[in-house]
Protein backbone atom coordinates (compact mmCIF):
# COMPACT_ATOMS: atom_id res chain seq x y z
CA MET A 1 -28.38 -7.32 7.24
CA ASN A 2 -27.71 -7.61 11.00
CA GLU A 3 -25.71 -4.39 10.89
CA ASN A 4 -28.52 -2.59 9.03
CA ILE A 5 -31.09 -3.85 11.56
CA LYS A 6 -28.92 -2.66 14.47
CA ARG A 7 -28.36 0.69 12.77
CA GLY A 8 -32.08 1.11 12.05
CA PHE A 9 -33.15 0.13 15.57
CA SER A 10 -30.66 2.36 17.36
CA GLY A 11 -31.47 5.20 14.95
CA LEU A 12 -35.18 4.86 15.75
CA ILE A 13 -34.45 5.01 19.49
CA TYR A 14 -32.22 8.07 18.99
CA ILE A 15 -34.89 9.93 16.99
CA SER A 16 -37.63 8.98 19.48
CA VAL A 17 -35.62 10.23 22.46
CA MET A 18 -34.72 13.47 20.66
CA TRP A 19 -38.35 14.05 19.65
CA PHE A 20 -39.83 13.26 23.06
CA CYS A 21 -37.33 15.24 25.14
CA THR A 22 -37.46 18.26 22.83
CA SER A 23 -41.26 18.50 22.79
CA TYR A 24 -42.30 17.18 26.22
CA SER A 25 -41.18 19.96 28.56
CA THR A 26 -38.64 22.68 29.21
CA LEU A 27 -36.88 20.42 31.72
CA THR A 28 -36.50 17.46 29.33
CA PHE A 29 -35.31 19.86 26.62
CA SER A 30 -32.59 21.26 28.91
CA ILE A 31 -31.50 17.84 30.18
CA LEU A 32 -31.35 16.39 26.66
CA PHE A 33 -29.07 19.05 25.24
CA LEU A 34 -26.95 19.23 28.38
CA VAL A 35 -26.26 15.49 28.15
CA ILE A 36 -25.67 15.57 24.38
CA GLY A 37 -23.38 18.58 24.77
CA ILE A 38 -21.29 16.91 27.48
CA ILE A 39 -20.91 13.68 25.46
CA SER A 40 -20.01 15.60 22.29
CA PHE A 41 -17.52 17.75 24.21
CA TYR A 42 -15.87 14.62 25.64
CA GLU A 43 -15.68 12.94 22.22
CA MET A 44 -14.04 16.02 20.71
CA LEU A 45 -11.52 16.13 23.58
CA LYS A 46 -10.56 12.55 22.71
CA LEU A 47 -10.27 13.39 19.00
CA ARG A 48 -7.98 16.34 19.78
CA GLN A 49 -5.78 14.51 22.27
CA GLY A 50 -2.28 15.95 21.95
CA LYS A 51 -3.47 18.62 19.50
CA SER A 52 -4.80 22.19 19.73
CA LYS A 53 -8.30 22.18 21.18
CA LEU A 54 -9.67 25.75 21.37
CA ILE A 55 -11.33 26.04 17.94
CA ALA A 56 -12.59 22.45 18.03
CA LEU A 57 -14.18 22.90 21.46
CA LEU A 58 -15.76 26.20 20.40
CA PHE A 59 -17.20 24.35 17.40
CA ILE A 60 -18.91 22.02 19.90
CA SER A 61 -19.79 24.46 22.68
CA VAL A 62 -21.34 27.39 20.81
CA PRO A 63 -24.29 25.45 19.27
CA PHE A 64 -25.21 23.78 22.57
CA ILE A 65 -25.17 27.12 24.36
CA MET A 66 -27.14 28.83 21.60
CA ILE A 67 -29.78 26.11 21.26
CA HIS A 68 -31.09 27.10 24.68
CA PHE A 69 -31.68 30.61 23.37
CA PHE A 70 -33.02 29.13 20.14
CA GLY A 71 -35.35 26.90 22.11
CA PHE A 72 -36.45 29.12 24.96
CA PHE A 73 -37.30 32.26 23.03
CA SER A 74 -40.12 32.06 20.53
CA LEU A 75 -39.29 33.13 17.00
CA SER A 76 -42.92 33.14 15.89
CA ASN A 77 -44.33 36.00 18.01
CA GLN A 78 -46.17 33.62 20.32
CA ASN A 79 -46.04 33.72 24.10
CA GLU A 80 -44.49 30.30 24.50
CA LEU A 81 -41.54 29.45 26.71
CA ILE A 82 -40.00 26.94 24.33
CA ASN A 83 -40.21 27.04 20.55
CA TYR A 84 -39.96 23.28 20.15
CA ARG A 85 -41.71 23.37 16.77
CA MET A 86 -38.77 25.11 15.15
CA ILE A 87 -36.25 22.75 16.77
CA LEU A 88 -38.22 19.68 15.65
CA PHE A 89 -38.65 21.16 12.19
CA ILE A 90 -34.87 21.56 11.90
CA PHE A 91 -34.38 17.99 13.13
CA ILE A 92 -36.78 16.64 10.50
CA LEU A 93 -35.10 18.54 7.67
CA THR A 94 -31.59 17.56 8.79
CA TRP A 95 -32.50 13.89 9.19
CA THR A 96 -34.19 13.98 5.77
CA PHE A 97 -31.14 15.54 4.15
CA ASP A 98 -28.72 13.08 5.78
CA THR A 99 -30.86 10.07 4.83
CA PHE A 100 -31.42 10.94 1.17
CA ALA A 101 -27.92 12.33 0.65
CA TYR A 102 -26.67 8.92 1.84
CA ILE A 103 -29.10 6.98 -0.39
CA PHE A 104 -28.39 9.03 -3.52
CA GLY A 105 -24.67 9.11 -2.78
CA ILE A 106 -24.44 5.32 -2.42
CA ASN A 107 -26.45 4.65 -5.60
CA PHE A 108 -25.48 7.51 -7.91
CA GLY A 109 -22.49 9.28 -6.36
CA LYS A 110 -19.65 9.83 -8.84
CA ARG A 111 -18.53 13.43 -8.42
CA LYS A 112 -16.92 13.79 -5.01
CA ILE A 113 -17.13 17.10 -3.16
CA LEU A 114 -14.01 16.94 -0.95
CA PRO A 115 -12.59 13.42 -1.24
CA SER A 116 -9.48 14.28 0.78
CA ILE A 117 -11.66 14.94 3.85
CA SER A 118 -14.81 12.86 3.29
CA PRO A 119 -14.42 10.45 0.35
CA LYS A 120 -18.06 9.31 0.37
CA LYS A 121 -19.72 12.72 0.02
CA SER A 122 -20.80 13.41 -3.57
CA TRP A 123 -22.60 16.17 -5.44
CA GLU A 124 -25.24 13.65 -6.54
CA GLY A 125 -25.92 12.80 -2.90
CA PHE A 126 -26.05 16.48 -1.98
CA LEU A 127 -28.54 17.25 -4.75
CA GLY A 128 -30.76 14.28 -3.85
CA GLY A 129 -30.73 15.30 -0.20
CA LEU A 130 -31.54 18.91 -1.12
CA ILE A 131 -34.55 17.95 -3.25
CA PHE A 132 -36.05 15.73 -0.55
CA THR A 133 -35.34 18.34 2.12
CA LEU A 134 -37.45 20.82 0.14
CA LEU A 135 -40.23 18.22 -0.19
CA ALA A 136 -40.07 17.40 3.53
CA SER A 137 -40.22 21.10 4.36
CA TYR A 138 -43.32 21.62 2.24
CA ILE A 139 -45.15 18.53 3.55
CA THR A 140 -44.21 19.17 7.19
CA THR A 141 -45.23 22.83 7.05
CA LEU A 142 -48.64 21.96 5.61
CA ASN A 143 -49.43 19.01 7.89
CA LEU A 144 -47.46 19.23 11.13
CA PHE A 145 -46.12 22.64 12.11
CA GLU A 146 -47.54 26.12 11.62
CA ILE A 147 -44.46 27.75 10.12
CA ASP A 148 -44.52 30.45 7.47
CA ILE A 149 -44.01 28.66 4.15
CA SER A 150 -41.52 31.20 2.77
CA LYS A 151 -39.42 30.95 5.96
CA ALA A 152 -39.67 27.13 5.81
CA MET A 153 -38.40 27.06 2.22
CA ILE A 154 -35.46 29.32 3.06
CA ILE A 155 -34.54 27.08 5.99
CA SER A 156 -34.77 23.98 3.81
CA LEU A 157 -32.35 25.56 1.30
CA PHE A 158 -30.09 26.62 4.15
CA ILE A 159 -29.78 23.29 5.99
CA PRO A 160 -28.12 21.14 3.28
CA PHE A 161 -25.18 23.56 3.17
CA THR A 162 -24.77 23.95 6.93
CA ALA A 163 -25.27 20.21 7.53
CA THR A 164 -22.62 19.36 4.93
CA LEU A 165 -20.24 21.94 6.38
CA GLY A 166 -20.69 20.45 9.86
CA ASP A 167 -20.11 16.95 8.52
CA PHE A 168 -16.93 17.99 6.71
CA THR A 169 -15.62 19.76 9.81
CA GLU A 170 -16.10 16.71 12.00
CA SER A 171 -14.64 14.46 9.28
CA TYR A 172 -11.57 16.71 9.22
CA TYR A 173 -11.06 16.25 12.97
CA LYS A 174 -11.62 12.49 12.72
CA ARG A 175 -9.15 12.22 9.85
CA GLN A 176 -6.56 14.10 11.88
CA ALA A 177 -7.18 11.71 14.78
CA GLY A 178 -6.98 8.69 12.45
CA VAL A 179 -10.39 7.27 13.42
CA LYS A 180 -13.54 6.35 11.52
CA ASP A 181 -16.05 7.40 14.20
CA SER A 182 -15.99 9.89 17.05
CA GLY A 183 -17.01 7.12 19.47
CA SER A 184 -19.33 4.15 19.88
CA PHE A 185 -22.17 5.71 21.88
CA ILE A 186 -24.90 4.86 19.33
CA PRO A 187 -24.63 1.27 17.98
CA GLY A 188 -24.27 1.21 14.23
CA HIS A 189 -23.88 4.99 14.02
CA GLY A 190 -20.69 5.74 15.95
CA GLY A 191 -20.43 8.50 18.52
CA MET A 192 -22.79 11.28 19.49
CA LEU A 193 -20.76 13.73 17.39
CA ASP A 194 -21.33 11.54 14.34
CA ARG A 195 -25.08 12.16 14.76
CA MET A 196 -24.87 15.80 15.83
CA ASP A 197 -22.24 17.14 13.41
CA ALA A 198 -24.89 18.30 10.92
CA PHE A 199 -26.46 20.56 13.57
CA LEU A 200 -23.29 22.28 14.78
CA PHE A 201 -23.26 24.99 12.10
CA THR A 202 -27.01 24.86 11.46
CA ILE A 203 -28.05 25.92 14.97
CA PRO A 204 -26.01 29.14 15.35
CA LEU A 205 -26.35 30.27 11.73
CA LEU A 206 -30.10 29.67 11.63
CA TYR A 207 -30.50 31.43 14.97
CA ILE A 208 -28.75 34.48 13.52
CA PHE A 209 -30.86 34.31 10.35
CA LEU A 210 -34.22 33.88 12.11
CA THR A 211 -33.50 36.42 14.83
CA PHE A 212 -31.76 39.24 12.98
CA LEU A 213 -32.40 38.80 9.25
């Protein structure tokens, strides 16, 4: 119970900081992702100590470079400097997927996806997370953000796959390093990479989709 309380409290602080800094101003947006990027970069360096680093560090660096383009250039034909709505929308969907994939996986998970890399990830958890991501997308689009509903639904189908791919990639690096977490930056959650892994494929692939496709 104490561990769950600590995890819930630190998770609430993490979400609040992410939400505030992303939406408050251009400066807080830049500082937030600069700090997160540096911490994630450092954690990956530790994971790859004595091993090849180039691909792993590109995996970390590219999303944090691209999110500035993703954030500073509007994708909705509005004259706004920072498109924080889209960033927050992606956060909401990713957090929803992670939460319900965990809940369904713990309670119903039997068919493992890649047990050799991440033994807890199951198809039942993935499906549960996907369903609630679609629901969150629909509710959020109607009540919080003015995002085209067809685009929102495509993004909500997209995120469960990219989030899972990011999680598996980080799990692979942690397994090679022989550790459970990438660090201990967030009490009850592990390192910064453990919280950001779901975004590392989502950000660049969604940027390409929304910008060019």
